[in-house]
Amino acid sequence: MTPGNLEILAYEHTELGALCLRRHELLASPGTVVTEITLDGEFLMSSRHTASEEALARIALELHPGDDLNVLVGGLGLGYTAHAVLESPRVARVEAVELLPQVIDWLEEGLVPLSEALEADARFRVVQGDAYARLAAPPADPFDLVLIDIDHAPDERLGGADDAFYTKQGLERARRHLAPGGVLGVWSYAESSPFSQALESVFEEARVEPVIYFNDLIGEERTDWLFFGRRPTG
């Protein structure tokens, strides 16, 4: 690959719009290949900067002291949150729920950087579905961790069907899917006081964690935001 050349790995028409998987070599760092996803030409995610996706998993694990953990990941994306969860030997099962079947196909076809690692881990499975609808429905088996990385932010969503999740009522429904001591974590690229307040009204323990990093793809410092709510162990 010539530095800077853009390679389109997949271009799919989905219910959310035109979804593109692409990769290119950084001009400023020859040999460094970046994989990206865009939706209707708008940037969604990159394999270059994954600190906040990985921190979503790491901090949630720090908040839960247990073992044999059962984890739900809402939104597969490039797989960095799920992969970070699986790095812990305390995790027994990870189920990723992805709305778009095309994204699951990319994983199974080996088109994303973590395909091999995720597919090789017997603790991991991915299913096609709506994570928000799953959390709004009555719970079945409880989860120890529920990690959501789907929308840009609570106040900037990719679709309209998930509006209720970010409200007090939506969080109360999601809380029912957590076992005692369970942790809900939500990724966002922006802070949201209304969502923070909703978390605090539903969970006994709530916190917001900024993740600051330098984005060399656009040449500026960025801050992503992680929201956590935790049920008591008793």
C-alpha atoms as a PDB file:
ATOM      1  CA  MET A   1       0.000   0.000   0.000  1.00  0.00           C
ATOM      2  CA  THR A   2       1.435   3.363  -1.034  1.00  0.00           C
ATOM      3  CA  PRO A   3       1.441   5.825   1.920  1.00  0.00           C
ATOM      4  CA  GLY A   4      -1.790   7.773   1.918  1.00  0.00           C
ATOM      5  CA  ASN A   5      -3.613   5.504  -0.532  1.00  0.00           C
ATOM      6  CA  LEU A   6      -7.208   4.861   0.489  1.00  0.00           C
ATOM      7  CA  GLU A   7      -8.490   1.310   0.094  1.00  0.00           C
ATOM      8  CA  ILE A   8     -12.242   0.710   0.278  1.00  0.00           C
ATOM      9  CA  LEU A   9     -12.753  -2.686   1.918  1.00  0.00           C
ATOM     10  CA  ALA A  10     -16.563  -2.600   1.901  1.00  0.00           C
ATOM     11  CA  TYR A  11     -19.317  -0.177   0.979  1.00  0.00           C
ATOM     12  CA  GLU A  12     -22.777  -1.161   2.173  1.00  0.00           C
ATOM     13  CA  HIS A  13     -26.234   0.378   2.081  1.00  0.00           C
ATOM     14  CA  THR A  14     -27.812  -0.075   5.516  1.00  0.00           C
ATOM     15  CA  GLU A  15     -30.913   1.059   7.390  1.00  0.00           C
ATOM     16  CA  LEU A  16     -28.816   3.868   8.893  1.00  0.00           C
ATOM     17  CA  GLY A  17     -27.255   5.008   5.612  1.00  0.00           C
ATOM     18  CA  ALA A  18     -24.207   4.270   3.469  1.00  0.00           C
ATOM     19  CA  LEU A  19     -21.653   2.413   5.585  1.00  0.00           C
ATOM     20  CA  CYS A  20     -18.031   2.316   4.478  1.00  0.00           C
ATOM     21  CA  LEU A  21     -15.089   0.290   5.796  1.00  0.00           C
ATOM     22  CA  ARG A  22     -11.779   1.665   4.586  1.00  0.00           C
ATOM     23  CA  ARG A  23      -8.094   1.633   5.406  1.00  0.00           C
ATOM     24  CA  HIS A  24      -5.080   3.719   4.530  1.00  0.00           C
ATOM     25  CA  GLU A  25      -1.454   4.188   5.478  1.00  0.00           C
ATOM     26  CA  LEU A  26      -0.600   7.345   7.407  1.00  0.00           C
ATOM     27  CA  LEU A  27       1.492   9.792   5.430  1.00  0.00           C
ATOM     28  CA  ALA A  28       3.166  10.964   8.633  1.00  0.00           C
ATOM     29  CA  SER A  29       3.962   7.412   9.730  1.00  0.00           C
ATOM     30  CA  PRO A  30       4.743   5.075   6.822  1.00  0.00           C
ATOM     31  CA  GLY A  31       3.947   1.497   7.745  1.00  0.00           C
ATOM     32  CA  THR A  32       1.083   2.480  10.056  1.00  0.00           C
ATOM     33  CA  VAL A  33      -2.184   1.279   8.548  1.00  0.00           C
ATOM     34  CA  VAL A  34      -5.450   2.673   9.896  1.00  0.00           C
ATOM     35  CA  THR A  35      -8.872   1.066   9.509  1.00  0.00           C
ATOM     36  CA  GLU A  36     -11.908   3.367   9.666  1.00  0.00           C
ATOM     37  CA  ILE A  37     -15.688   3.233   9.475  1.00  0.00           C
ATOM     38  CA  THR A  38     -17.784   6.078   8.051  1.00  0.00           C
ATOM     39  CA  LEU A  39     -21.558   6.477   7.807  1.00  0.00           C
ATOM     40  CA  ASP A  40     -22.939   8.644   4.982  1.00  0.00           C
ATOM     41  CA  GLY A  41     -19.445  10.113   4.662  1.00  0.00           C
ATOM     42  CA  GLU A  42     -19.304  11.023   8.356  1.00  0.00           C
ATOM     43  CA  PHE A  43     -16.436   9.607  10.387  1.00  0.00           C
ATOM     44  CA  LEU A  44     -17.493   7.057  13.029  1.00  0.00           C
ATOM     45  CA  MET A  45     -14.425   5.265  14.366  1.00  0.00           C
ATOM     46  CA  SER A  46     -10.795   4.421  13.720  1.00  0.00           C
ATOM     47  CA  SER A  47      -8.292   1.765  14.737  1.00  0.00           C
ATOM     48  CA  ARG A  48      -5.775   4.555  15.307  1.00  0.00           C
ATOM     49  CA  HIS A  49      -7.315   5.966  18.485  1.00  0.00           C
ATOM     50  CA  THR A  50      -8.977   3.367  20.698  1.00  0.00           C
ATOM     51  CA  ALA A  51      -8.011   4.573  24.189  1.00  0.00           C
ATOM     52  CA  SER A  52     -11.530   5.536  25.233  1.00  0.00           C
ATOM     53  CA  GLU A  53     -13.142   2.346  23.881  1.00  0.00           C
ATOM     54  CA  GLU A  54     -10.592   0.282  25.797  1.00  0.00           C
ATOM     55  CA  ALA A  55     -10.997   2.469  28.907  1.00  0.00           C
ATOM     56  CA  LEU A  56     -14.737   1.757  28.843  1.00  0.00           C
ATOM     57  CA  ALA A  57     -13.907  -1.900  29.432  1.00  0.00           C
ATOM     58  CA  ARG A  58     -11.004  -1.329  31.815  1.00  0.00           C
ATOM     59  CA  ILE A  59     -12.822   1.034  34.187  1.00  0.00           C
ATOM     60  CA  ALA A  60     -15.957  -1.120  34.231  1.00  0.00           C
ATOM     61  CA  LEU A  61     -13.807  -4.107  35.203  1.00  0.00           C
ATOM     62  CA  GLU A  62     -12.156  -2.052  37.941  1.00  0.00           C
ATOM     63  CA  LEU A  63     -15.593  -1.193  39.325  1.00  0.00           C
ATOM     64  CA  HIS A  64     -16.621  -4.856  39.540  1.00  0.00           C
ATOM     65  CA  PRO A  65     -14.637  -7.043  41.961  1.00  0.00           C
ATOM     66  CA  GLY A  66     -16.103 -10.372  40.864  1.00  0.00           C
ATOM     67  CA  ASP A  67     -14.985 -13.281  38.725  1.00  0.00           C
ATOM     68  CA  ASP A  68     -16.698 -15.451  36.101  1.00  0.00           C
ATOM     69  CA  LEU A  69     -18.153 -12.243  34.662  1.00  0.00           C
ATOM     70  CA  ASN A  70     -20.926 -12.246  32.092  1.00  0.00           C
ATOM     71  CA  VAL A  71     -20.625  -9.212  29.778  1.00  0.00           C
ATOM     72  CA  LEU A  72     -22.914  -7.610  27.208  1.00  0.00           C
ATOM     73  CA  VAL A  73     -21.354  -5.197  24.699  1.00  0.00           C
ATOM     74  CA  GLY A  74     -23.813  -3.032  22.788  1.00  0.00           C
ATOM     75  CA  GLY A  75     -22.280  -2.139  19.429  1.00  0.00           C
ATOM     76  CA  LEU A  76     -19.488  -4.217  17.883  1.00  0.00           C
ATOM     77  CA  GLY A  77     -17.832  -1.560  15.730  1.00  0.00           C
ATOM     78  CA  LEU A  78     -14.172  -2.456  15.190  1.00  0.00           C
ATOM     79  CA  GLY A  79     -14.244  -4.665  18.275  1.00  0.00           C
ATOM     80  CA  TYR A  80     -11.901  -2.782  20.605  1.00  0.00           C
ATOM     81  CA  THR A  81     -14.243  -2.662  23.614  1.00  0.00           C
ATOM     82  CA  ALA A  82     -15.037  -6.379  23.363  1.00  0.00           C
ATOM     83  CA  HIS A  83     -11.357  -7.222  22.903  1.00  0.00           C
ATOM     84  CA  ALA A  84     -10.362  -5.168  25.947  1.00  0.00           C
ATOM     85  CA  VAL A  85     -12.948  -6.980  28.065  1.00  0.00           C
ATOM     86  CA  LEU A  86     -11.652 -10.350  26.884  1.00  0.00           C
ATOM     87  CA  GLU A  87      -8.128  -9.475  27.995  1.00  0.00           C
ATOM     88  CA  SER A  88      -9.290  -9.990  31.585  1.00  0.00           C
ATOM     89  CA  PRO A  89      -9.114 -13.588  32.883  1.00  0.00           C
ATOM     90  CA  ARG A  90     -12.015 -12.678  35.182  1.00  0.00           C
ATOM     91  CA  VAL A  91     -14.374 -12.611  32.192  1.00  0.00           C
ATOM     92  CA  ALA A  92     -16.218 -15.818  31.340  1.00  0.00           C
ATOM     93  CA  ARG A  93     -18.517 -14.691  28.528  1.00  0.00           C
ATOM     94  CA  VAL A  94     -18.844 -11.712  26.187  1.00  0.00           C
ATOM     95  CA  GLU A  95     -21.877 -11.226  23.967  1.00  0.00           C
ATOM     96  CA  ALA A  96     -21.715  -8.382  21.460  1.00  0.00           C
ATOM     97  CA  VAL A  97     -25.025  -7.156  20.047  1.00  0.00           C
ATOM     98  CA  GLU A  98     -24.642  -5.370  16.712  1.00  0.00           C
ATOM     99  CA  LEU A  99     -27.542  -3.765  14.844  1.00  0.00           C
ATOM    100  CA  LEU A 100     -25.995  -3.946  11.368  1.00  0.00           C
ATOM    101  CA  PRO A 101     -25.374  -7.425   9.919  1.00  0.00           C
ATOM    102  CA  GLN A 102     -22.819  -5.929   7.556  1.00  0.00           C
ATOM    103  CA  VAL A 103     -20.533  -5.108  10.499  1.00  0.00           C
ATOM    104  CA  ILE A 104     -20.776  -8.710  11.701  1.00  0.00           C
ATOM    105  CA  ASP A 105     -19.899  -9.897   8.188  1.00  0.00           C
ATOM    106  CA  TRP A 106     -16.752  -7.732   8.238  1.00  0.00           C
ATOM    107  CA  LEU A 107     -15.639  -9.444  11.423  1.00  0.00           C
ATOM    108  CA  GLU A 108     -16.324 -12.926  10.102  1.00  0.00           C
ATOM    109  CA  GLU A 109     -14.612 -12.161   6.785  1.00  0.00           C
ATOM    110  CA  GLY A 110     -11.455 -10.974   8.536  1.00  0.00           C
ATOM    111  CA  LEU A 111     -11.701  -7.396   7.292  1.00  0.00           C
ATOM    112  CA  VAL A 112     -11.161  -5.661  10.659  1.00  0.00           C
ATOM    113  CA  PRO A 113      -7.861  -5.682  12.606  1.00  0.00           C
ATOM    114  CA  LEU A 114      -9.205  -7.689  15.567  1.00  0.00           C
ATOM    115  CA  SER A 115     -11.091 -10.304  13.542  1.00  0.00           C
ATOM    116  CA  GLU A 116      -8.650 -13.124  14.212  1.00  0.00           C
ATOM    117  CA  ALA A 117      -8.323 -12.453  17.944  1.00  0.00           C
ATOM    118  CA  LEU A 118     -12.063 -12.154  18.547  1.00  0.00           C
ATOM    119  CA  GLU A 119     -13.030 -15.122  16.405  1.00  0.00           C
ATOM    120  CA  ALA A 120     -10.419 -17.304  18.155  1.00  0.00           C
ATOM    121  CA  ASP A 121     -11.731 -16.577  21.667  1.00  0.00           C
ATOM    122  CA  ALA A 122     -14.292 -19.194  22.721  1.00  0.00           C
ATOM    123  CA  ARG A 123     -15.725 -16.792  25.312  1.00  0.00           C
ATOM    124  CA  PHE A 124     -16.901 -14.388  22.586  1.00  0.00           C
ATOM    125  CA  ARG A 125     -20.044 -14.426  20.488  1.00  0.00           C
ATOM    126  CA  VAL A 126     -21.704 -11.760  18.365  1.00  0.00           C
ATOM    127  CA  VAL A 127     -25.411 -11.605  17.542  1.00  0.00           C
ATOM    128  CA  GLN A 128     -27.367  -9.323  15.256  1.00  0.00           C
ATOM    129  CA  GLY A 129     -29.927  -7.216  17.069  1.00  0.00           C
ATOM    130  CA  ASP A 130     -30.849  -3.926  18.713  1.00  0.00           C
ATOM    131  CA  ALA A 131     -29.025  -3.553  22.038  1.00  0.00           C
ATOM    132  CA  TYR A 132     -31.387  -0.789  23.156  1.00  0.00           C
ATOM    133  CA  ALA A 133     -34.442  -2.965  22.500  1.00  0.00           C
ATOM    134  CA  ARG A 134     -32.735  -5.775  24.366  1.00  0.00           C
ATOM    135  CA  LEU A 135     -32.222  -3.568  27.421  1.00  0.00           C
ATOM    136  CA  ALA A 136     -35.785  -2.206  27.249  1.00  0.00           C
ATOM    137  CA  ALA A 137     -37.252  -5.719  27.282  1.00  0.00           C
ATOM    138  CA  PRO A 138     -37.711  -7.824  30.422  1.00  0.00           C
ATOM    139  CA  PRO A 139     -34.375  -9.340  31.501  1.00  0.00           C
ATOM    140  CA  ALA A 140     -33.409 -12.967  31.100  1.00  0.00           C
ATOM    141  CA  ASP A 141     -29.963 -13.930  32.384  1.00  0.00           C
ATOM    142  CA  PRO A 142     -28.392 -10.959  34.213  1.00  0.00           C
ATOM    143  CA  PHE A 143     -25.090  -9.421  33.157  1.00  0.00           C
ATOM    144  CA  ASP A 144     -22.254  -8.264  35.372  1.00  0.00           C
ATOM    145  CA  LEU A 145     -21.191  -5.609  32.865  1.00  0.00           C
ATOM    146  CA  VAL A 146     -23.236  -3.882  30.169  1.00  0.00           C
ATOM    147  CA  LEU A 147     -21.086  -1.664  27.948  1.00  0.00           C
ATOM    148  CA  ILE A 148     -22.708   0.580  25.325  1.00  0.00           C
ATOM    149  CA  ASP A 149     -20.755   2.168  22.468  1.00  0.00           C
ATOM    150  CA  ILE A 150     -23.327   2.899  19.777  1.00  0.00           C
ATOM    151  CA  ASP A 151     -24.149   6.602  19.411  1.00  0.00           C
ATOM    152  CA  HIS A 152     -21.933   9.657  19.110  1.00  0.00           C
ATOM    153  CA  ALA A 153     -23.306  10.956  22.414  1.00  0.00           C
ATOM    154  CA  PRO A 154     -26.503  10.880  24.515  1.00  0.00           C
ATOM    155  CA  ASP A 155     -27.530  14.124  22.833  1.00  0.00           C
ATOM    156  CA  GLU A 156     -26.363  13.122  19.326  1.00  0.00           C
ATOM    157  CA  ARG A 157     -27.702   9.747  18.308  1.00  0.00           C
ATOM    158  CA  LEU A 158     -27.405   7.743  15.127  1.00  0.00           C
ATOM    159  CA  GLY A 159     -31.090   6.851  15.124  1.00  0.00           C
ATOM    160  CA  GLY A 160     -34.318   7.776  16.873  1.00  0.00           C
ATOM    161  CA  ALA A 161     -35.373   4.425  18.330  1.00  0.00           C
ATOM    162  CA  ASP A 162     -32.842   4.664  21.150  1.00  0.00           C
ATOM    163  CA  ASP A 163     -34.068   7.969  22.605  1.00  0.00           C
ATOM    164  CA  ALA A 164     -35.580   6.375  25.702  1.00  0.00           C
ATOM    165  CA  PHE A 165     -32.376   4.620  26.778  1.00  0.00           C
ATOM    166  CA  TYR A 166     -30.770   7.890  27.873  1.00  0.00           C
ATOM    167  CA  THR A 167     -33.685   8.869  30.113  1.00  0.00           C
ATOM    168  CA  LYS A 168     -34.353   7.942  33.739  1.00  0.00           C
ATOM    169  CA  GLN A 169     -36.984   5.444  32.622  1.00  0.00           C
ATOM    170  CA  GLY A 170     -34.671   3.890  30.035  1.00  0.00           C
ATOM    171  CA  LEU A 171     -31.858   3.508  32.555  1.00  0.00           C
ATOM    172  CA  GLU A 172     -34.237   1.936  35.063  1.00  0.00           C
ATOM    173  CA  ARG A 173     -35.113  -0.701  32.455  1.00  0.00           C
ATOM    174  CA  ALA A 174     -31.444  -1.259  31.631  1.00  0.00           C
ATOM    175  CA  ARG A 175     -30.589  -1.575  35.337  1.00  0.00           C
ATOM    176  CA  ARG A 176     -32.841  -4.623  35.598  1.00  0.00           C
ATOM    177  CA  HIS A 177     -30.409  -6.493  33.316  1.00  0.00           C
ATOM    178  CA  LEU A 178     -27.566  -6.079  35.819  1.00  0.00           C
ATOM    179  CA  ALA A 179     -26.800  -8.634  38.499  1.00  0.00           C
ATOM    180  CA  PRO A 180     -26.016  -7.327  42.017  1.00  0.00           C
ATOM    181  CA  GLY A 181     -22.786  -5.336  41.801  1.00  0.00           C
ATOM    182  CA  GLY A 182     -23.289  -4.993  38.056  1.00  0.00           C
ATOM    183  CA  VAL A 183     -21.930  -2.028  36.098  1.00  0.00           C
ATOM    184  CA  LEU A 184     -23.418  -0.112  33.165  1.00  0.00           C
ATOM    185  CA  GLY A 185     -20.887   1.811  31.055  1.00  0.00           C
ATOM    186  CA  VAL A 186     -21.686   4.171  28.172  1.00  0.00           C
ATOM    187  CA  TRP A 187     -19.238   5.724  25.691  1.00  0.00           C
ATOM    188  CA  SER A 188     -19.720   9.264  24.355  1.00  0.00           C
ATOM    189  CA  TYR A 189     -17.655  11.812  22.463  1.00  0.00           C
ATOM    190  CA  ALA A 190     -19.270  14.649  24.427  1.00  0.00           C
ATOM    191  CA  GLU A 191     -20.255  15.389  28.002  1.00  0.00           C
ATOM    192  CA  SER A 192     -23.975  15.362  28.855  1.00  0.00           C
ATOM    193  CA  SER A 193     -25.269  16.833  32.086  1.00  0.00           C
ATOM    194  CA  PRO A 194     -28.853  15.545  31.546  1.00  0.00           C
ATOM    195  CA  PHE A 195     -27.555  11.998  31.103  1.00  0.00           C
ATOM    196  CA  SER A 196     -25.269  12.324  34.127  1.00  0.00           C
ATOM    197  CA  GLN A 197     -28.240  13.438  36.204  1.00  0.00           C
ATOM    198  CA  ALA A 198     -30.338  10.532  34.941  1.00  0.00           C
ATOM    199  CA  LEU A 199     -27.572   8.104  35.918  1.00  0.00           C
ATOM    200  CA  GLU A 200     -27.327   9.607  39.386  1.00  0.00           C
ATOM    201  CA  SER A 201     -31.082   9.277  39.873  1.00  0.00           C
ATOM    202  CA  VAL A 202     -31.096   5.577  38.944  1.00  0.00           C
ATOM    203  CA  PHE A 203     -27.822   4.168  40.271  1.00  0.00           C
ATOM    204  CA  GLU A 204     -26.496   4.157  43.814  1.00  0.00           C
ATOM    205  CA  GLU A 205     -23.018   4.844  42.425  1.00  0.00           C
ATOM    206  CA  ALA A 206     -22.511   6.972  39.291  1.00  0.00           C
ATOM    207  CA  ARG A 207     -19.388   8.533  37.819  1.00  0.00           C
ATOM    208  CA  VAL A 208     -18.170  10.265  34.683  1.00  0.00           C
ATOM    209  CA  GLU A 209     -14.633   9.741  33.366  1.00  0.00           C
ATOM    210  CA  PRO A 210     -13.006  11.943  30.693  1.00  0.00           C
ATOM    211  CA  VAL A 211     -10.439  10.288  28.412  1.00  0.00           C
ATOM    212  CA  ILE A 212      -8.048  12.810  26.875  1.00  0.00           C
ATOM    213  CA  TYR A 213      -5.825  11.924  23.918  1.00  0.00           C
ATOM    214  CA  PHE A 214      -4.102  13.592  20.973  1.00  0.00           C
ATOM    215  CA  ASN A 215      -5.761  12.764  17.676  1.00  0.00           C
ATOM    216  CA  ASP A 216      -2.961  12.932  15.129  1.00  0.00           C
ATOM    217  CA  LEU A 217      -5.412  12.261  12.304  1.00  0.00           C
ATOM    218  CA  ILE A 218      -6.834  15.770  12.766  1.00  0.00           C
ATOM    219  CA  GLY A 219      -3.937  17.327  14.683  1.00  0.00           C
ATOM    220  CA  GLU A 220      -5.737  18.271  17.882  1.00  0.00           C
ATOM    221  CA  GLU A 221      -6.424  17.094  21.421  1.00  0.00           C
ATOM    222  CA  ARG A 222      -9.739  15.322  21.968  1.00  0.00           C
ATOM    223  CA  THR A 223     -11.747  14.320  25.016  1.00  0.00           C
ATOM    224  CA  ASP A 224     -14.170  11.412  25.026  1.00  0.00           C
ATOM    225  CA  TRP A 225     -16.500  10.780  27.962  1.00  0.00           C
ATOM    226  CA  LEU A 226     -17.399   7.577  29.774  1.00  0.00           C
ATOM    227  CA  PHE A 227     -20.482   7.284  31.981  1.00  0.00           C
ATOM    228  CA  PHE A 228     -20.823   4.559  34.606  1.00  0.00           C
ATOM    229  CA  GLY A 229     -23.579   3.398  36.926  1.00  0.00           C
ATOM    230  CA  ARG A 230     -23.179   0.576  39.445  1.00  0.00           C
ATOM    231  CA  ARG A 231     -25.675  -1.503  41.386  1.00  0.00           C
ATOM    232  CA  PRO A 232     -24.891  -2.361  44.988  1.00  0.00           C
ATOM    233  CA  THR A 233     -23.629  -5.882  45.679  1.00  0.00           C
ATOM    234  CA  GLY A 234     -26.260  -6.629  48.317  1.00  0.00           C
END
